[in-house]
Amino acid sequence: MRPLVTSIFAIVLGAASCLAQDHHSGETAKIAGAWQLSFETPHGTVKGALKLEQDGASLKGNCDLEGMGSAPVTGKVDGHNVTLNLAMHGGEMTITMNGAIEHDKMSGTTTPPSGTWTATRQ
């Protein structure tokens, strides 16, 4: 009986340890590359191409939005959270995108304008 209890305890402890490592790994998501971006705004859907370079937690890149042109992008990754800043119209307006990363998808909210965004890795 004692070996059975010891084995069960070891299995439960090992499973808990694996869950804790996955949940608290603190590993920065890798999101460099090409993404297809879509904004849902009060004025309709805006789509575009997002290209990101990543150096640790720092991001930089470019976004080409339909009907709005090209905008430089800066940002950061914190675990599986992302913040991107698009400098629109030569820096006259900055759109901030806050969101979460889940595998090959990202999504979140924008300010301004108040809306939502999604991106899918290409």
N, C-alpha and C. Protein backbone atom coordinates (compact mmCIF):
# COMPACT_ATOMS: atom_id res chain seq x y z
N MET A 1 0.83 -1.19 0.00
CA MET A 1 0.00 0.00 0.00
C MET A 1 0.87 1.25 0.00
N ARG A 2 1.94 1.24 0.80
CA ARG A 2 2.82 2.41 0.90
C ARG A 2 3.46 2.75 -0.44
N PRO A 3 3.97 1.78 -1.25
CA PRO A 3 4.54 2.13 -2.55
C PRO A 3 3.50 2.76 -3.48
N LEU A 4 2.24 2.32 -3.40
CA LEU A 4 1.19 2.88 -4.24
C LEU A 4 0.94 4.34 -3.87
N VAL A 5 0.85 4.65 -2.59
CA VAL A 5 0.63 6.03 -2.13
C VAL A 5 1.81 6.91 -2.54
N THR A 6 3.02 6.39 -2.38
CA THR A 6 4.21 7.15 -2.76
C THR A 6 4.21 7.43 -4.26
N SER A 7 3.83 6.46 -5.07
CA SER A 7 3.78 6.63 -6.52
C SER A 7 2.74 7.67 -6.92
N ILE A 8 1.56 7.59 -6.32
CA ILE A 8 0.50 8.56 -6.62
C ILE A 8 0.95 9.97 -6.22
N PHE A 9 1.56 10.11 -5.06
CA PHE A 9 2.05 11.41 -4.60
C PHE A 9 3.08 11.97 -5.58
N ALA A 10 3.99 11.12 -6.06
CA ALA A 10 5.02 11.56 -7.00
C ALA A 10 4.41 12.01 -8.32
N ILE A 11 3.39 11.30 -8.80
CA ILE A 11 2.72 11.67 -10.05
C ILE A 11 2.01 13.02 -9.90
N VAL A 12 1.27 13.19 -8.80
CA VAL A 12 0.55 14.45 -8.56
C VAL A 12 1.53 15.61 -8.42
N LEU A 13 2.61 15.40 -7.69
CA LEU A 13 3.61 16.45 -7.51
C LEU A 13 4.26 16.81 -8.84
N GLY A 14 4.58 15.81 -9.65
CA GLY A 14 5.19 16.06 -10.96
C GLY A 14 4.24 16.81 -11.89
N ALA A 15 2.96 16.45 -11.90
CA ALA A 15 1.98 17.15 -12.74
C ALA A 15 1.82 18.59 -12.29
N ALA A 16 1.77 18.84 -10.99
CA ALA A 16 1.65 20.20 -10.47
C ALA A 16 2.87 21.02 -10.84
N SER A 17 4.02 20.42 -10.80
CA SER A 17 5.26 21.12 -11.16
C SER A 17 5.25 21.51 -12.63
N CYS A 18 4.79 20.61 -13.51
CA CYS A 18 4.72 20.93 -14.94
C CYS A 18 3.74 22.06 -15.20
N LEU A 19 2.59 22.04 -14.56
CA LEU A 19 1.60 23.11 -14.73
C LEU A 19 2.17 24.44 -14.25
N ALA A 20 2.84 24.44 -13.14
CA ALA A 20 3.42 25.68 -12.60
C ALA A 20 4.47 26.23 -13.54
N GLN A 21 5.28 25.37 -14.15
CA GLN A 21 6.31 25.83 -15.07
C GLN A 21 5.68 26.43 -16.32
N ASP A 22 4.62 25.80 -16.85
CA ASP A 22 3.96 26.33 -18.04
C ASP A 22 3.30 27.67 -17.75
N HIS A 23 2.67 27.79 -16.60
CA HIS A 23 1.92 28.98 -16.26
C HIS A 23 2.83 30.14 -15.86
N HIS A 24 3.94 29.87 -15.24
CA HIS A 24 4.82 30.91 -14.73
C HIS A 24 6.17 30.93 -15.42
N SER A 25 6.23 30.40 -16.64
CA SER A 25 7.52 30.30 -17.29
C SER A 25 8.12 31.67 -17.57
N GLY A 26 7.27 32.70 -17.74
CA GLY A 26 7.77 34.04 -17.99
C GLY A 26 8.46 34.17 -19.34
N GLU A 27 8.34 33.17 -20.17
CA GLU A 27 8.98 33.18 -21.46
C GLU A 27 8.32 34.19 -22.38
N THR A 28 9.13 34.99 -23.05
CA THR A 28 8.62 36.00 -23.97
C THR A 28 8.19 35.34 -25.27
N ALA A 29 6.96 35.63 -25.70
CA ALA A 29 6.46 35.08 -26.96
C ALA A 29 7.30 35.60 -28.12
N LYS A 30 7.49 34.77 -29.11
CA LYS A 30 8.24 35.13 -30.31
C LYS A 30 7.24 35.51 -31.40
N ILE A 31 7.21 36.81 -31.76
CA ILE A 31 6.22 37.25 -32.73
C ILE A 31 6.82 37.94 -33.96
N ALA A 32 8.13 37.86 -34.13
CA ALA A 32 8.75 38.45 -35.32
C ALA A 32 8.19 37.77 -36.56
N GLY A 33 8.07 38.55 -37.64
CA GLY A 33 7.60 37.99 -38.89
C GLY A 33 6.45 38.77 -39.48
N ALA A 34 5.77 38.15 -40.44
CA ALA A 34 4.68 38.79 -41.17
C ALA A 34 3.32 38.37 -40.58
N TRP A 35 2.44 39.36 -40.45
CA TRP A 35 1.11 39.15 -39.89
C TRP A 35 0.07 39.83 -40.78
N GLN A 36 -1.12 39.25 -40.86
CA GLN A 36 -2.25 39.89 -41.52
C GLN A 36 -3.07 40.53 -40.41
N LEU A 37 -3.24 41.85 -40.50
CA LEU A 37 -3.86 42.65 -39.43
C LEU A 37 -5.25 43.10 -39.84
N SER A 38 -6.16 43.16 -38.87
CA SER A 38 -7.52 43.65 -39.12
C SER A 38 -7.98 44.46 -37.92
N PHE A 39 -8.42 45.71 -38.18
CA PHE A 39 -8.97 46.58 -37.14
C PHE A 39 -10.48 46.65 -37.30
N GLU A 40 -11.21 46.56 -36.21
CA GLU A 40 -12.65 46.82 -36.23
C GLU A 40 -12.82 48.17 -35.55
N THR A 41 -13.24 49.17 -36.32
CA THR A 41 -13.39 50.53 -35.81
C THR A 41 -14.85 50.96 -35.93
N PRO A 42 -15.23 52.07 -35.31
CA PRO A 42 -16.59 52.58 -35.49
C PRO A 42 -16.90 52.91 -36.96
N HIS A 43 -15.88 53.07 -37.79
CA HIS A 43 -16.05 53.41 -39.20
C HIS A 43 -15.93 52.21 -40.13
N GLY A 44 -15.79 51.01 -39.57
CA GLY A 44 -15.68 49.81 -40.38
C GLY A 44 -14.37 49.08 -40.17
N THR A 45 -14.16 48.06 -40.98
CA THR A 45 -12.98 47.22 -40.88
C THR A 45 -11.84 47.79 -41.73
N VAL A 46 -10.65 47.84 -41.15
CA VAL A 46 -9.45 48.25 -41.87
C VAL A 46 -8.47 47.08 -41.81
N LYS A 47 -7.95 46.68 -42.95
CA LYS A 47 -7.01 45.55 -43.01
C LYS A 47 -5.64 46.03 -43.45
N GLY A 48 -4.64 45.22 -43.12
CA GLY A 48 -3.30 45.58 -43.53
C GLY A 48 -2.29 44.50 -43.25
N ALA A 49 -1.07 44.77 -43.66
CA ALA A 49 0.05 43.85 -43.44
C ALA A 49 0.95 44.42 -42.35
N LEU A 50 1.31 43.60 -41.39
CA LEU A 50 2.17 43.99 -40.28
C LEU A 50 3.43 43.14 -40.34
N LYS A 51 4.59 43.81 -40.33
CA LYS A 51 5.87 43.09 -40.32
C LYS A 51 6.63 43.54 -39.07
N LEU A 52 7.04 42.56 -38.26
CA LEU A 52 7.71 42.85 -37.00
C LEU A 52 9.09 42.21 -36.92
N GLU A 53 10.01 42.95 -36.31
CA GLU A 53 11.32 42.44 -35.91
C GLU A 53 11.33 42.45 -34.39
N GLN A 54 12.01 41.48 -33.79
CA GLN A 54 12.01 41.36 -32.33
C GLN A 54 13.42 41.20 -31.81
N ASP A 55 13.74 41.97 -30.78
CA ASP A 55 15.01 41.87 -30.07
C ASP A 55 14.66 41.72 -28.59
N GLY A 56 14.58 40.48 -28.11
CA GLY A 56 14.13 40.24 -26.74
C GLY A 56 12.68 40.62 -26.60
N ALA A 57 12.40 41.61 -25.74
CA ALA A 57 11.03 42.06 -25.54
C ALA A 57 10.68 43.26 -26.42
N SER A 58 11.67 43.82 -27.12
CA SER A 58 11.44 45.02 -27.94
C SER A 58 11.02 44.65 -29.36
N LEU A 59 10.08 45.44 -29.89
CA LEU A 59 9.56 45.22 -31.23
C LEU A 59 9.71 46.48 -32.06
N LYS A 60 9.95 46.30 -33.35
CA LYS A 60 9.89 47.40 -34.30
C LYS A 60 9.49 46.80 -35.63
N GLY A 61 8.95 47.64 -36.49
CA GLY A 61 8.53 47.13 -37.78
C GLY A 61 7.77 48.16 -38.56
N ASN A 62 6.86 47.63 -39.41
CA ASN A 62 6.10 48.49 -40.30
C ASN A 62 4.71 47.90 -40.51
N CYS A 63 3.75 48.79 -40.70
CA CYS A 63 2.38 48.37 -40.94
C CYS A 63 1.87 49.11 -42.17
N ASP A 64 1.34 48.39 -43.16
CA ASP A 64 0.73 48.97 -44.35
C ASP A 64 -0.77 48.74 -44.26
N LEU A 65 -1.52 49.81 -44.00
CA LEU A 65 -2.97 49.73 -43.85
C LEU A 65 -3.68 50.19 -45.11
N GLU A 66 -4.72 49.44 -45.52
CA GLU A 66 -5.50 49.78 -46.70
C GLU A 66 -6.07 51.19 -46.55
N GLY A 67 -5.81 52.05 -47.52
CA GLY A 67 -6.36 53.38 -47.53
C GLY A 67 -5.72 54.35 -46.56
N MET A 68 -4.76 53.90 -45.75
CA MET A 68 -4.14 54.78 -44.77
C MET A 68 -2.63 54.88 -44.95
N GLY A 69 -2.07 54.03 -45.77
CA GLY A 69 -0.64 54.08 -46.02
C GLY A 69 0.18 53.28 -45.03
N SER A 70 1.46 53.59 -45.03
CA SER A 70 2.44 52.87 -44.24
C SER A 70 2.74 53.62 -42.93
N ALA A 71 2.96 52.87 -41.86
CA ALA A 71 3.27 53.47 -40.56
C ALA A 71 4.35 52.66 -39.86
N PRO A 72 5.36 53.34 -39.28
CA PRO A 72 6.33 52.61 -38.47
C PRO A 72 5.67 52.10 -37.18
N VAL A 73 6.18 50.98 -36.71
CA VAL A 73 5.62 50.34 -35.51
C VAL A 73 6.73 50.14 -34.49
N THR A 74 6.44 50.44 -33.24
CA THR A 74 7.32 50.08 -32.12
C THR A 74 6.46 49.39 -31.09
N GLY A 75 7.11 48.68 -30.17
CA GLY A 75 6.31 48.02 -29.14
C GLY A 75 7.14 47.13 -28.25
N LYS A 76 6.42 46.33 -27.46
CA LYS A 76 7.08 45.42 -26.54
C LYS A 76 6.20 44.20 -26.29
N VAL A 77 6.87 43.13 -25.91
CA VAL A 77 6.21 41.88 -25.54
C VAL A 77 6.52 41.63 -24.07
N ASP A 78 5.51 41.28 -23.30
CA ASP A 78 5.68 40.92 -21.90
C ASP A 78 5.00 39.58 -21.70
N GLY A 79 5.79 38.51 -21.76
CA GLY A 79 5.21 37.17 -21.68
C GLY A 79 4.38 36.92 -22.93
N HIS A 80 3.06 36.82 -22.76
CA HIS A 80 2.15 36.62 -23.89
C HIS A 80 1.23 37.82 -24.07
N ASN A 81 1.67 38.98 -23.59
CA ASN A 81 0.97 40.25 -23.80
C ASN A 81 1.80 41.10 -24.73
N VAL A 82 1.13 41.89 -25.55
CA VAL A 82 1.83 42.73 -26.51
C VAL A 82 1.25 44.13 -26.51
N THR A 83 2.12 45.12 -26.71
CA THR A 83 1.72 46.51 -26.93
C THR A 83 2.43 46.99 -28.19
N LEU A 84 1.65 47.48 -29.15
CA LEU A 84 2.21 48.00 -30.38
C LEU A 84 1.75 49.44 -30.55
N ASN A 85 2.65 50.31 -31.02
CA ASN A 85 2.33 51.71 -31.28
C ASN A 85 2.58 52.00 -32.75
N LEU A 86 1.52 52.41 -33.47
CA LEU A 86 1.62 52.76 -34.87
C LEU A 86 1.66 54.28 -34.98
N ALA A 87 2.72 54.83 -35.56
CA ALA A 87 2.87 56.27 -35.74
C ALA A 87 2.25 56.66 -37.08
N MET A 88 0.99 57.04 -37.06
CA MET A 88 0.24 57.35 -38.27
C MET A 88 0.48 58.79 -38.73
N HIS A 89 0.34 59.00 -40.04
CA HIS A 89 0.42 60.34 -40.65
C HIS A 89 1.70 61.08 -40.24
N GLY A 90 2.83 60.42 -40.40
CA GLY A 90 4.10 61.05 -40.09
C GLY A 90 4.31 61.32 -38.61
N GLY A 91 3.63 60.58 -37.76
CA GLY A 91 3.78 60.74 -36.31
C GLY A 91 2.78 61.69 -35.70
N GLU A 92 1.86 62.25 -36.50
CA GLU A 92 0.85 63.17 -35.97
C GLU A 92 -0.15 62.46 -35.05
N MET A 93 -0.34 61.17 -35.26
CA MET A 93 -1.29 60.39 -34.45
C MET A 93 -0.68 59.03 -34.16
N THR A 94 -0.80 58.59 -32.93
CA THR A 94 -0.32 57.25 -32.56
C THR A 94 -1.51 56.39 -32.17
N ILE A 95 -1.60 55.23 -32.80
CA ILE A 95 -2.60 54.24 -32.42
C ILE A 95 -1.89 53.21 -31.56
N THR A 96 -2.41 52.99 -30.36
CA THR A 96 -1.85 52.00 -29.44
C THR A 96 -2.72 50.75 -29.48
N MET A 97 -2.07 49.62 -29.68
CA MET A 97 -2.74 48.33 -29.73
C MET A 97 -2.25 47.50 -28.53
N ASN A 98 -3.14 47.16 -27.64
CA ASN A 98 -2.82 46.28 -26.52
C ASN A 98 -3.52 44.97 -26.75
N GLY A 99 -2.83 43.86 -26.47
CA GLY A 99 -3.47 42.58 -26.71
C GLY A 99 -2.72 41.40 -26.15
N ALA A 100 -3.23 40.24 -26.51
CA ALA A 100 -2.68 38.97 -26.05
C ALA A 100 -2.27 38.13 -27.25
N ILE A 101 -1.24 37.34 -27.04
CA ILE A 101 -0.69 36.47 -28.08
C ILE A 101 -1.07 35.03 -27.74
N GLU A 102 -1.64 34.34 -28.72
CA GLU A 102 -1.98 32.93 -28.53
C GLU A 102 -1.58 32.17 -29.79
N HIS A 103 -0.44 31.51 -29.72
CA HIS A 103 0.13 30.77 -30.84
C HIS A 103 0.35 31.70 -32.03
N ASP A 104 -0.35 31.48 -33.14
CA ASP A 104 -0.18 32.29 -34.35
C ASP A 104 -1.27 33.33 -34.51
N LYS A 105 -1.85 33.76 -33.39
CA LYS A 105 -2.88 34.79 -33.41
C LYS A 105 -2.62 35.79 -32.29
N MET A 106 -2.96 37.04 -32.56
CA MET A 106 -2.94 38.09 -31.54
C MET A 106 -4.26 38.83 -31.64
N SER A 107 -4.71 39.38 -30.52
CA SER A 107 -5.94 40.18 -30.55
C SER A 107 -5.97 41.08 -29.33
N GLY A 108 -6.76 42.17 -29.47
CA GLY A 108 -6.87 43.09 -28.36
C GLY A 108 -7.68 44.31 -28.72
N THR A 109 -7.37 45.43 -28.05
CA THR A 109 -8.10 46.68 -28.23
C THR A 109 -7.17 47.77 -28.74
N THR A 110 -7.76 48.80 -29.36
CA THR A 110 -7.00 49.94 -29.86
C THR A 110 -7.49 51.23 -29.22
N THR A 111 -6.57 52.17 -29.07
CA THR A 111 -6.92 53.53 -28.66
C THR A 111 -6.01 54.50 -29.36
N PRO A 112 -6.42 55.67 -29.80
CA PRO A 112 -7.74 55.79 -30.42
C PRO A 112 -7.72 55.12 -31.78
N PRO A 113 -8.73 54.91 -32.49
CA PRO A 113 -10.10 54.99 -32.00
C PRO A 113 -10.41 53.76 -31.17
N SER A 114 -11.42 53.85 -30.37
CA SER A 114 -11.82 52.68 -29.59
C SER A 114 -12.27 51.59 -30.55
N GLY A 115 -11.63 50.47 -30.45
CA GLY A 115 -11.97 49.36 -31.33
C GLY A 115 -11.22 48.11 -30.93
N THR A 116 -11.28 47.13 -31.78
CA THR A 116 -10.58 45.87 -31.53
C THR A 116 -9.70 45.55 -32.73
N TRP A 117 -8.74 44.68 -32.52
CA TRP A 117 -7.85 44.25 -33.59
C TRP A 117 -7.54 42.78 -33.45
N THR A 118 -7.21 42.17 -34.58
CA THR A 118 -6.73 40.79 -34.61
C THR A 118 -5.60 40.72 -35.62
N ALA A 119 -4.71 39.79 -35.43
CA ALA A 119 -3.63 39.54 -36.37
C ALA A 119 -3.37 38.05 -36.44
N THR A 120 -3.12 37.57 -37.64
CA THR A 120 -2.83 36.16 -37.87
C THR A 120 -1.48 36.07 -38.57
N ARG A 121 -0.62 35.19 -38.04
CA ARG A 121 0.72 35.01 -38.63
C ARG A 121 0.60 34.48 -40.05
N GLN A 122 1.40 35.05 -40.92
CA GLN A 122 1.41 34.63 -42.34
C GLN A 122 2.50 33.62 -42.60
